[in-house]
Protein backbone atom coordinates (compact mmCIF):
# COMPACT_ATOMS: atom_id res chain seq x y z
CA MET A 1 -2.35 26.69 -14.57
CA THR A 2 -4.49 24.50 -16.54
CA ASN A 3 -3.58 21.26 -14.62
CA TYR A 4 -4.45 23.12 -11.29
CA LYS A 5 -7.83 24.01 -12.92
CA THR A 6 -8.56 20.38 -13.45
CA VAL A 7 -7.63 19.56 -9.86
CA PHE A 8 -9.95 22.14 -8.38
CA PHE A 9 -12.64 21.25 -10.92
CA VAL A 10 -12.66 17.77 -9.80
CA LEU A 11 -12.60 18.81 -6.08
CA GLY A 12 -15.61 20.91 -6.88
CA ILE A 13 -17.57 17.86 -8.34
CA LEU A 14 -16.70 15.90 -5.19
CA LEU A 15 -17.96 18.48 -2.92
CA ILE A 16 -21.16 18.72 -4.78
CA ILE A 17 -21.63 14.98 -4.59
CA LEU A 18 -20.98 15.20 -0.79
CA GLY A 19 -23.43 18.11 -0.33
CA PHE A 20 -26.14 15.98 -2.07
CA PHE A 21 -25.26 12.87 0.13
CA MET A 22 -26.14 15.22 3.08
CA ILE A 23 -29.85 15.04 2.04
CA ALA A 24 -29.97 11.43 3.28
CA PRO A 25 -29.70 12.42 6.96
CA ILE A 26 -32.44 14.90 6.44
CA MET A 27 -34.68 12.10 5.02
CA VAL A 28 -33.77 10.09 8.11
CA GLN A 29 -34.85 13.04 10.42
CA LEU A 30 -38.25 13.05 8.47
CA ILE A 31 -38.80 9.31 8.57
CA TYR A 32 -37.90 8.92 12.26
CA GLU A 33 -39.24 12.27 13.39
CA ASP A 34 -35.72 12.72 14.90
CA GLY A 35 -36.14 16.61 15.25
CA LEU A 36 -35.72 18.12 11.93
CA ASP A 37 -33.36 21.13 12.23
CA GLY A 38 -30.94 23.16 9.95
CA THR A 39 -27.87 20.92 10.67
CA PHE A 40 -27.82 19.11 7.41
CA VAL A 41 -29.74 21.64 5.38
CA TYR A 42 -27.11 24.28 6.07
CA SER A 43 -24.23 21.88 5.80
CA SER A 44 -25.60 20.78 2.42
CA ILE A 45 -26.19 24.32 1.04
CA VAL A 46 -22.67 25.42 2.20
CA THR A 47 -21.04 22.34 0.72
CA ILE A 48 -22.85 22.40 -2.59
CA PHE A 49 -22.22 26.18 -2.91
CA MET A 50 -18.53 25.87 -2.44
CA GLY A 51 -18.43 22.92 -4.79
CA ILE A 52 -20.31 24.88 -7.59
CA LEU A 53 -17.76 27.76 -6.84
CA PHE A 54 -14.68 25.53 -7.43
CA LEU A 55 -16.28 24.12 -10.54
CA LEU A 56 -17.45 27.41 -12.19
CA SER A 57 -14.21 29.19 -11.51
CA ASN A 58 -11.98 26.33 -12.95
CA LEU A 59 -13.79 25.53 -16.13
CA ASP A 60 -11.45 24.38 -18.96
CA GLN A 61 -11.73 22.21 -22.04
CA ASP A 62 -8.58 20.45 -21.36
CA ARG A 63 -8.95 17.89 -18.74
CA LYS A 64 -5.39 16.51 -18.08
CA LEU A 65 -3.27 15.69 -14.97
CA ASN A 66 0.40 15.43 -14.71
CA LEU A 67 2.09 13.60 -11.98
CA GLN A 68 2.20 16.40 -9.61
CA GLN A 69 -1.38 17.41 -9.92
CA ALA A 70 -2.47 13.75 -9.52
CA PHE A 71 -0.74 13.62 -6.19
CA LEU A 72 -2.25 16.92 -5.28
CA LEU A 73 -5.83 15.99 -6.05
CA THR A 74 -5.42 12.63 -4.22
CA SER A 75 -4.56 14.53 -1.04
CA LEU A 76 -6.81 17.58 -1.47
CA SER A 77 -9.83 15.19 -2.03
CA TRP A 78 -9.60 13.55 1.36
CA ILE A 79 -8.69 16.82 3.19
CA GLY A 80 -11.56 18.78 1.60
CA ILE A 81 -14.23 16.20 2.25
CA ALA A 82 -12.99 15.77 5.78
CA ILE A 83 -13.35 19.51 6.21
CA PHE A 84 -16.86 19.83 4.85
CA GLY A 85 -17.89 16.47 6.21
CA SER A 86 -17.34 17.95 9.74
CA LEU A 87 -19.89 20.64 9.21
CA PRO A 88 -22.82 18.55 10.46
CA PHE A 89 -20.85 17.65 13.62
CA ILE A 90 -20.07 21.35 14.28
CA LEU A 91 -23.61 22.48 13.74
CA SER A 92 -25.29 19.66 15.48
CA ASP A 93 -26.40 19.55 19.28
CA LEU A 94 -23.46 17.52 20.17
CA GLU A 95 -21.30 20.42 21.35
CA LEU A 96 -18.16 19.18 19.54
CA THR A 97 -15.35 21.61 19.06
CA PHE A 98 -13.72 21.96 15.65
CA SER A 99 -10.92 19.66 16.63
CA ASP A 100 -13.48 16.94 17.63
CA ALA A 101 -15.63 17.37 14.43
CA PHE A 102 -12.73 17.28 12.31
CA PHE A 103 -11.30 14.25 14.06
CA GLU A 104 -14.59 12.46 13.68
CA SER A 105 -15.06 13.36 9.97
CA MET A 106 -11.49 12.37 9.22
CA SER A 107 -11.94 9.17 10.97
CA GLY A 108 -15.05 8.49 8.88
CA ILE A 109 -13.83 9.42 5.45
CA THR A 110 -10.45 7.41 5.99
CA THR A 111 -12.51 4.55 7.24
CA THR A 112 -10.72 4.44 10.61
CA GLY A 113 -13.57 4.24 13.13
CA SER A 114 -11.96 6.01 15.91
CA THR A 115 -14.67 8.32 17.62
CA VAL A 116 -14.90 11.22 20.16
CA ILE A 117 -18.54 10.52 20.71
CA GLY A 118 -19.08 8.65 24.08
CA ASP A 119 -22.66 7.59 24.32
CA LEU A 120 -24.11 6.73 20.85
CA SER A 121 -27.49 5.82 22.24
CA ASN A 122 -28.21 9.59 22.82
CA VAL A 123 -26.91 10.62 19.36
CA PRO A 124 -29.54 11.58 16.75
CA LYS A 125 -30.10 9.13 13.93
CA ALA A 126 -29.11 11.61 11.32
CA ILE A 127 -25.75 11.97 12.76
CA LEU A 128 -25.35 8.16 13.11
CA ILE A 129 -26.31 7.52 9.42
CA TRP A 130 -24.00 10.49 8.53
CA ARG A 131 -21.01 8.86 10.20
CA SER A 132 -21.77 5.55 8.24
CA LEU A 133 -22.15 7.57 4.94
CA LEU A 134 -18.75 9.09 5.45
CA GLN A 135 -17.12 5.84 5.79
CA TRP A 136 -19.13 4.38 2.80
CA LEU A 137 -18.01 7.13 0.60
CA GLY A 138 -14.35 6.79 1.89
CA GLY A 139 -14.46 3.09 0.89
CA ILE A 140 -15.55 3.80 -2.50
CA GLY A 141 -13.02 6.50 -2.90
CA ILE A 142 -10.03 4.52 -1.80
CA VAL A 143 -10.95 1.53 -3.95
CA VAL A 144 -11.27 3.71 -7.10
CA MET A 145 -7.98 5.45 -6.18
CA ALA A 146 -6.05 2.24 -5.41
CA ILE A 147 -7.04 0.68 -8.67
CA THR A 148 -6.71 3.70 -11.00
CA VAL A 149 -4.54 6.28 -9.58
CA LEU A 150 -2.05 4.96 -6.97
CA PRO A 151 -0.65 2.30 -9.29
CA LEU A 152 0.26 5.12 -11.78
CA LEU A 153 1.92 7.17 -9.12
CA ASN A 154 4.20 4.20 -8.18
CA VAL A 155 3.41 4.45 -4.48
CA GLY A 156 4.98 1.70 -2.33
CA GLY A 157 4.93 -0.93 -5.03
CA MET A 158 1.35 -0.34 -6.02
CA GLN A 159 2.57 -0.15 -9.76
CA LEU A 160 2.36 -4.03 -9.56
CA PHE A 161 -1.58 -3.59 -9.90
CA LYS A 162 -1.58 -1.59 -13.01
CA LEU A 163 -4.63 -2.61 -15.03
CA GLN A 164 -2.65 -2.00 -18.21
CA SER A 165 1.06 -1.65 -18.71
CA GLY A 166 0.58 1.44 -21.02
CA ASP A 167 -1.28 3.43 -18.55
CA THR A 168 0.08 7.09 -17.76
CA THR A 169 -1.03 9.90 -15.59
CA GLU A 170 -2.50 11.61 -18.65
CA LYS A 171 -5.07 8.71 -18.63
CA ILE A 172 -6.08 9.16 -15.08
CA LEU A 173 -9.39 10.86 -15.59
CA PRO A 174 -10.67 8.90 -18.60
CA ARG A 175 -9.34 5.43 -16.84
CA THR A 176 -11.25 6.45 -13.54
CA ARG A 177 -14.48 7.22 -15.54
CA GLU A 178 -14.25 3.80 -17.46
CA ILE A 179 -13.97 1.63 -14.39
CA ALA A 180 -15.62 3.88 -11.61
CA PHE A 181 -19.16 2.74 -12.60
CA LYS A 182 -18.29 -0.90 -12.50
CA ILE A 183 -16.75 -0.56 -9.02
CA ILE A 184 -19.65 1.44 -7.78
CA LEU A 185 -22.11 -1.15 -9.00
CA ILE A 186 -20.03 -3.96 -7.23
CA TYR A 187 -19.73 -1.87 -4.09
CA PHE A 188 -23.32 -1.00 -3.95
CA PHE A 189 -24.41 -4.68 -4.73
CA LEU A 190 -22.18 -5.92 -1.73
CA SER A 191 -23.61 -3.14 0.46
CA SER A 192 -27.23 -4.14 -0.47
CA VAL A 193 -26.66 -7.84 0.08
CA CYS A 194 -24.99 -7.01 3.39
CA ALA A 195 -27.88 -4.88 4.69
CA VAL A 196 -30.44 -7.30 3.58
CA SER A 197 -28.37 -10.05 5.46
CA TYR A 198 -28.09 -8.09 8.63
CA PHE A 199 -32.02 -7.48 8.52
CA PHE A 200 -32.75 -11.11 8.29
CA VAL A 201 -30.49 -12.12 11.08
CA GLY A 202 -31.86 -9.62 13.75
CA MET A 203 -31.09 -5.98 12.90
CA ASN A 204 -33.70 -3.45 12.24
CA VAL A 205 -33.81 -1.57 8.96
CA PHE A 206 -31.97 1.46 10.25
CA ASP A 207 -29.09 -0.63 11.91
CA SER A 208 -28.89 -2.94 8.94
CA ILE A 209 -28.28 -0.07 6.57
CA ALA A 210 -25.92 1.76 8.83
CA HIS A 211 -23.93 -1.15 9.61
CA ALA A 212 -23.73 -2.53 6.11
CA MET A 213 -22.11 0.64 4.89
CA THR A 214 -19.47 0.59 7.50
CA THR A 215 -18.87 -3.19 7.06
CA ILE A 216 -18.13 -3.14 3.39
CA ALA A 217 -16.09 -0.07 3.80
CA THR A 218 -14.24 -1.89 6.79
CA GLY A 219 -14.73 1.38 8.78
CA GLY A 220 -16.24 0.16 11.98
CA PHE A 221 -18.50 3.06 12.97
CA SER A 222 -21.65 1.56 14.84
CA THR A 223 -24.92 2.90 15.91
CA TYR A 224 -24.11 1.64 19.42
CA SER A 225 -21.25 2.35 21.80
CA GLU A 226 -20.89 -1.44 22.35
CA SER A 227 -20.37 -1.81 18.63
CA ILE A 228 -21.37 -5.25 17.19
CA GLY A 229 -21.16 -6.70 20.73
CA TYR A 230 -24.48 -4.81 21.52
CA PHE A 231 -26.50 -7.43 19.50
CA GLN A 232 -25.00 -10.50 21.25
CA ASN A 233 -26.16 -12.44 18.08
CA PRO A 234 -23.73 -15.06 16.52
CA LYS A 235 -25.60 -14.92 13.13
CA ILE A 236 -24.97 -11.05 12.97
CA GLU A 237 -21.25 -11.79 13.68
CA ILE A 238 -21.14 -14.39 10.92
CA VAL A 239 -22.54 -12.00 8.48
CA SER A 240 -20.12 -9.22 9.66
CA ILE A 241 -17.14 -11.70 9.12
CA ILE A 242 -18.24 -12.60 5.58
CA PHE A 243 -18.75 -9.07 4.34
CA ILE A 244 -15.73 -7.71 6.11
CA ILE A 245 -13.63 -10.17 4.22
CA SER A 246 -15.64 -9.19 0.96
CA GLY A 247 -14.46 -5.66 1.63
CA SER A 248 -10.76 -6.75 2.35
CA ILE A 249 -10.09 -8.58 -0.84
CA PRO A 250 -8.95 -6.68 -3.87
CA PHE A 251 -11.84 -5.22 -5.96
CA ILE A 252 -9.96 -5.79 -9.07
CA ALA A 253 -10.66 -9.48 -8.41
CA TYR A 254 -14.36 -8.82 -8.73
CA LEU A 255 -13.71 -6.94 -11.92
CA LYS A 256 -11.61 -9.98 -13.35
CA TYR A 257 -14.41 -12.24 -12.11
CA LEU A 258 -17.02 -10.44 -14.25
CA ASP A 259 -14.63 -10.46 -17.17
CA GLY A 260 -14.73 -14.15 -17.00
CA ASN A 261 -11.93 -15.40 -14.69
CA LYS A 262 -14.19 -17.53 -12.46
CA LYS A 263 -11.23 -18.96 -10.42
CA ILE A 264 -9.63 -15.62 -9.32
CA PHE A 265 -10.78 -15.85 -5.82
CA PHE A 266 -8.91 -19.17 -5.51
CA GLN A 267 -5.84 -18.31 -7.52
CA ASP A 268 -4.83 -14.72 -6.38
CA THR A 269 -1.80 -15.00 -4.01
CA GLN A 270 -2.88 -11.98 -1.99
CA ILE A 271 -6.30 -13.25 -1.33
CA LYS A 272 -4.98 -16.55 -0.32
CA GLY A 273 -2.59 -14.97 1.91
CA LEU A 274 -5.18 -12.94 3.63
CA ILE A 275 -7.25 -16.09 4.35
CA TYR A 276 -4.24 -17.88 5.74
CA ILE A 277 -3.35 -15.05 8.07
CA CYS A 278 -6.89 -14.99 9.33
CA LEU A 279 -7.12 -18.79 9.90
CA ILE A 280 -3.78 -18.89 11.67
CA SER A 281 -4.45 -15.87 13.79
CA ILE A 282 -7.84 -17.27 14.92
CA ILE A 283 -6.18 -20.51 15.82
CA ILE A 284 -3.47 -18.74 17.89
CA ILE A 285 -5.92 -16.36 19.72
CA THR A 286 -8.33 -19.41 20.46
CA LEU A 287 -5.48 -21.45 21.85
CA ASN A 288 -4.36 -18.57 24.01
CA LEU A 289 -7.94 -17.99 25.38
CA LEU A 290 -8.17 -21.82 26.19
CA ILE A 291 -4.85 -21.72 27.96
CA LYS A 292 -6.05 -18.63 30.03
CA GLU A 293 -9.16 -20.73 30.82
CA HIS A 294 -11.33 -17.72 29.33
CA GLY A 295 -14.27 -20.08 28.41
CA ASN A 296 -15.28 -23.06 26.22
CA PHE A 297 -13.86 -23.88 22.98
CA PHE A 298 -16.71 -22.66 20.86
CA SER A 299 -17.26 -19.29 22.64
CA ASN A 300 -13.44 -18.60 22.36
CA LEU A 301 -13.48 -19.65 18.66
CA ARG A 302 -16.49 -17.26 18.05
CA LEU A 303 -14.68 -14.41 19.90
CA SER A 304 -11.33 -14.93 18.24
CA ALA A 305 -12.78 -15.29 14.69
CA PHE A 306 -14.73 -12.13 14.83
CA ASN A 307 -12.23 -9.81 16.58
CA VAL A 308 -9.23 -11.25 14.56
CA VAL A 309 -11.05 -10.38 11.23
CA SER A 310 -12.16 -7.07 12.50
CA ILE A 311 -8.73 -5.90 13.70
CA LEU A 312 -6.74 -7.51 10.71
CA SER A 313 -9.01 -5.73 8.15
CA GLY A 314 -9.00 -2.56 10.05
CA THR A 315 -12.66 -2.53 10.54
CA GLY A 316 -12.51 -1.97 14.24
CA TYR A 317 -15.88 -3.70 15.37
CA VAL A 318 -15.71 -5.41 18.57
CA THR A 319 -17.78 -7.86 20.52
CA THR A 320 -15.92 -7.80 23.77
CA ASN A 321 -13.25 -6.04 25.70
CA PHE A 322 -10.13 -7.90 24.58
CA ASN A 323 -8.08 -5.92 26.89
CA LEU A 324 -9.04 -8.56 29.38
CA TRP A 325 -7.46 -11.32 27.19
CA GLY A 326 -3.88 -10.76 28.47
CA ASN A 327 -0.64 -9.27 27.11
CA PHE A 328 -0.09 -11.87 24.45
CA SER A 329 -3.38 -11.14 22.69
CA LEU A 330 -2.93 -7.33 22.94
CA VAL A 331 0.71 -7.56 21.29
CA PHE A 332 -0.73 -10.07 18.73
CA PHE A 333 -3.58 -7.71 17.81
CA LEU A 334 -0.99 -4.76 17.48
CA LEU A 335 0.87 -6.95 14.87
CA LEU A 336 -2.50 -7.59 12.97
CA MET A 337 -3.13 -3.83 12.96
CA PHE A 338 -0.02 -3.30 10.90
CA ILE A 339 -0.62 -6.15 8.34
CA GLY A 340 -3.95 -4.88 7.22
CA GLY A 341 -5.93 -6.38 4.30
CA CYS A 342 -5.24 -6.48 0.52
CA ALA A 343 -4.28 -3.82 -1.87
CA GLY A 344 -7.25 -2.62 -4.07
CA SER A 345 -9.54 -3.16 -1.19
CA THR A 346 -11.27 -0.98 1.49
CA ALA A 347 -8.91 -2.37 4.10
CA CYS A 348 -5.92 -0.64 5.58
CA GLY A 349 -2.40 -1.29 7.05
CA ILE A 350 0.78 -2.29 5.23
CA LYS A 351 -1.12 -4.58 2.93
CA VAL A 352 -0.73 -8.36 2.62
CA PHE A 353 1.10 -8.10 -0.82
CA ARG A 354 3.95 -6.14 0.67
CA ILE A 355 4.33 -8.61 3.48
CA GLN A 356 4.42 -11.44 1.11
CA ILE A 357 6.92 -9.76 -1.28
CA LEU A 358 9.22 -8.86 1.59
CA TRP A 359 9.20 -12.39 2.91
CA LEU A 360 9.97 -13.74 -0.65
CA PHE A 361 12.79 -11.10 -0.85
CA ILE A 362 14.16 -12.33 2.43
CA ILE A 363 13.98 -15.94 1.44
CA ASN A 364 15.72 -15.09 -1.71
CA GLU A 365 18.60 -13.17 -0.03
CA ILE A 366 19.12 -16.26 2.26
CA LYS A 367 19.25 -18.54 -0.77
CA LYS A 368 21.84 -16.29 -2.47
CA SER A 369 24.00 -16.44 0.89
CA VAL A 370 23.88 -20.18 0.76
CA TYR A 371 24.21 -20.50 -3.07
CA PRO A 372 26.33 -17.62 -4.16
CA ARG A 373 26.36 -18.46 -7.78
CA GLY A 374 22.72 -19.41 -7.98
CA VAL A 375 19.97 -17.42 -9.89
CA PHE A 376 16.75 -17.10 -8.01
CA PRO A 377 14.16 -15.00 -9.81
CA LEU A 378 11.35 -13.55 -7.66
CA SER A 379 7.74 -14.25 -8.87
CA TYR A 380 4.41 -13.04 -7.53
CA ASN A 381 0.92 -14.22 -8.72
CA LYS A 382 3.01 -16.36 -11.31
CA GLU A 383 4.63 -13.36 -12.76
CA LYS A 384 8.23 -12.31 -12.34
CA ILE A 385 8.90 -9.26 -10.10
CA ASP A 386 11.42 -6.72 -11.36
CA LYS A 387 14.06 -5.76 -8.67
CA ARG A 388 12.80 -2.13 -8.95
CA PHE A 389 9.52 -3.07 -7.28
CA ILE A 390 11.35 -4.24 -4.15
CA SER A 391 13.01 -0.90 -3.32
CA PRO A 392 9.58 1.11 -2.90
CA ILE A 393 8.22 -1.70 -0.92
CA ILE A 394 11.07 -1.87 1.50
CA SER A 395 11.09 2.10 1.68
CA PHE A 396 7.21 2.10 2.39
CA ILE A 397 7.48 -0.30 5.21
CA PHE A 398 10.43 1.49 6.78
CA LEU A 399 8.67 4.80 6.48
CA TYR A 400 5.49 3.26 7.76
CA PHE A 401 7.19 2.27 11.14
CA LEU A 402 9.20 5.40 11.22
CA ILE A 403 6.07 7.45 11.17
CA PHE A 404 4.42 5.08 13.69
CA PHE A 405 7.24 5.73 16.17
CA LEU A 406 7.21 9.43 15.52
CA VAL A 407 3.40 9.66 16.15
CA ALA A 408 3.65 7.49 19.25
CA MET A 409 6.40 9.81 20.68
CA LEU A 410 4.33 12.91 20.00
CA LEU A 411 1.35 11.38 21.70
CA SER A 412 3.54 10.49 24.58
CA PHE A 413 4.69 14.08 24.76
CA THR A 414 1.06 14.93 25.63
CA GLY A 415 1.15 12.86 28.63
CA LEU A 416 -0.38 9.67 27.50
CA ASP A 417 0.80 6.37 28.86
CA PHE A 418 2.98 3.97 26.81
CA ILE A 419 0.11 1.58 25.75
CA THR A 420 -2.25 4.30 24.77
CA SER A 421 0.40 6.28 22.92
CA PHE A 422 1.64 3.17 20.97
CA SER A 423 -1.82 1.71 20.17
CA GLY A 424 -3.11 5.19 19.30
CA ALA A 425 -0.39 5.64 16.78
CA ALA A 426 -0.97 2.06 15.37
CA THR A 427 -4.70 2.42 15.17
CA ALA A 428 -4.40 5.82 13.37
CA ILE A 429 -1.82 5.03 10.74
CA SER A 430 -3.51 1.57 10.11
CA ASN A 431 -6.87 3.13 10.09
CA VAL A 432 -8.26 0.49 12.45
CA GLY A 433 -10.40 2.33 15.03
CA PRO A 434 -10.11 1.35 18.61
CA GLY A 435 -6.82 1.20 20.31
CA LEU A 436 -5.68 -0.75 23.39
CA GLY A 437 -5.79 0.32 27.05
CA ASP A 438 -8.62 1.75 29.24
CA MET A 439 -8.91 5.08 27.48
CA ILE A 440 -8.93 4.39 23.77
CA GLY A 441 -9.59 0.66 23.82
CA PRO A 442 -12.57 -1.39 22.82
CA SER A 443 -14.79 0.15 25.67
CA GLY A 444 -13.41 3.79 25.45
CA ASN A 445 -13.14 6.41 22.95
CA PHE A 446 -10.70 9.32 22.06
CA SER A 447 -12.74 12.23 23.45
CA GLU A 448 -10.40 12.58 26.47
CA LEU A 449 -7.25 13.22 24.40
CA SER A 450 -5.99 16.72 24.01
CA ASN A 451 -6.63 18.78 20.68
CA PHE A 452 -2.85 18.44 19.82
CA ALA A 453 -3.23 14.63 20.14
CA LYS A 454 -6.42 14.55 17.95
CA TRP A 455 -4.72 16.65 15.24
CA ILE A 456 -1.69 14.50 15.31
CA LEU A 457 -3.96 11.31 15.01
CA SER A 458 -6.04 13.02 12.20
CA PHE A 459 -2.85 13.56 10.19
CA ALA A 460 -1.69 9.95 10.91
CA MET A 461 -5.17 8.63 9.67
CA LEU A 462 -4.62 10.73 6.40
CA LEU A 463 -1.14 9.44 5.92
CA GLY A 464 -2.13 5.74 6.39
CA ARG A 465 -5.13 6.02 4.13
CA LEU A 466 -3.16 7.66 1.35
CA GLU A 467 -0.34 5.18 1.44
CA ILE A 468 2.00 7.68 3.08
CA PHE A 469 4.16 8.78 0.06
CA THR A 470 1.08 10.35 -1.66
CA LEU A 471 0.93 13.15 1.10
CA LEU A 472 4.45 13.46 2.14
CA VAL A 473 5.77 14.01 -1.53
CA LEU A 474 3.83 17.24 -1.56
CA PHE A 475 5.96 18.74 1.23
CA PHE A 476 9.24 18.30 -1.00
CA PRO A 477 9.96 21.45 -3.14
CA GLY A 478 11.98 19.41 -5.53
CA PHE A 479 8.80 17.39 -6.51
CA TRP A 480 7.24 20.52 -7.94
CA LYS A 481 10.12 21.15 -10.27
CA ASN A 482 9.90 19.99 -13.92
């Protein structure tokens, strides 16, 4: 029972932290005279009270986690924060059902960016800043977990990113405490610089802070229904691109840079892969728009660069309705949704490193067919890859697409059309935000979906954010046997 005590003790701490963050929207209400009510006061009291209850009822001197409890803590953290994070939406004047509120909260904490709120211009600033805070907290959480916990759980090849080869699950808590402070400092620094940059290129203070949090988190929640397109400002779009990429590269690279490796951003195979994919995709979409005679070269380049980076990283900001760009662009964006950013970043999707290693594996198999007696060792980032790392990567990608098709079929069962079902499934499991089509596309939202569809999508968001295996393994009875 000791290990379970540790799980709920840590969960209690997380809820207390979440409750204190609810004070920020109260400050916004006071500063902007936005109608101070009990929405966040009551939500904060309930969340902190439950956190203290968890904490006090699970006090124990022995703070250790085994493999099973590490998986359980990872999943319960996101589920618990999504539930309590939905309280302000439920208690607000937005008249959201529990299904809507939970969907919005899960979309925030998983940095997805899908929304059920239609006209954001009539939404109180306190709610807008809470949406941004949820994504900002979700961004920190996934980075810490991706660097400290997921590699130890051997999830989908993430063991390639162990900080030390001797790490074990028993070291999870001390290891997390050791590096969490550095990550939070880096994360806060990037967020601050992003906010200041937004302010100097045309945003007001509130919009700068709100968008900075969702930019670094690659979340995509905006304070306007038109997203970044509301501003129609090329400088704002450039700032967005720079800091979206900053959030999409591995945070372990920042740690290595601070430790003295000044060339890490130019040497890391995954970072180079992300940049290459971005550049090639921008060229392809720009050429497609020119062929379609959509506009002049520079306007097409601007539109392509922003929306490619946003969709690939899973941020989900938009500057235009790309539904009007033709079928090729829609299919291409669907492909980018699946790829995602780098492992150990705030970005989503299958992750660049898995695509790269799968490609190397395929090339290696072709070489073996041509030269049966040849020996072709696999290497990644100048290090040899053991064959045992290939299996979980292939399994992850297979399961990723299997769940995508299952979610798409369930959505179509609710009566949604093909493009809405498929893009909805893709944007949920890849944590992107907007889908394709008129209903959930860049100019729409998810409010018209049935409650069943919203719960399916919420579960898919959680699966995608937690690298699928982390959550699914909890449903296998054999996993809990010693």
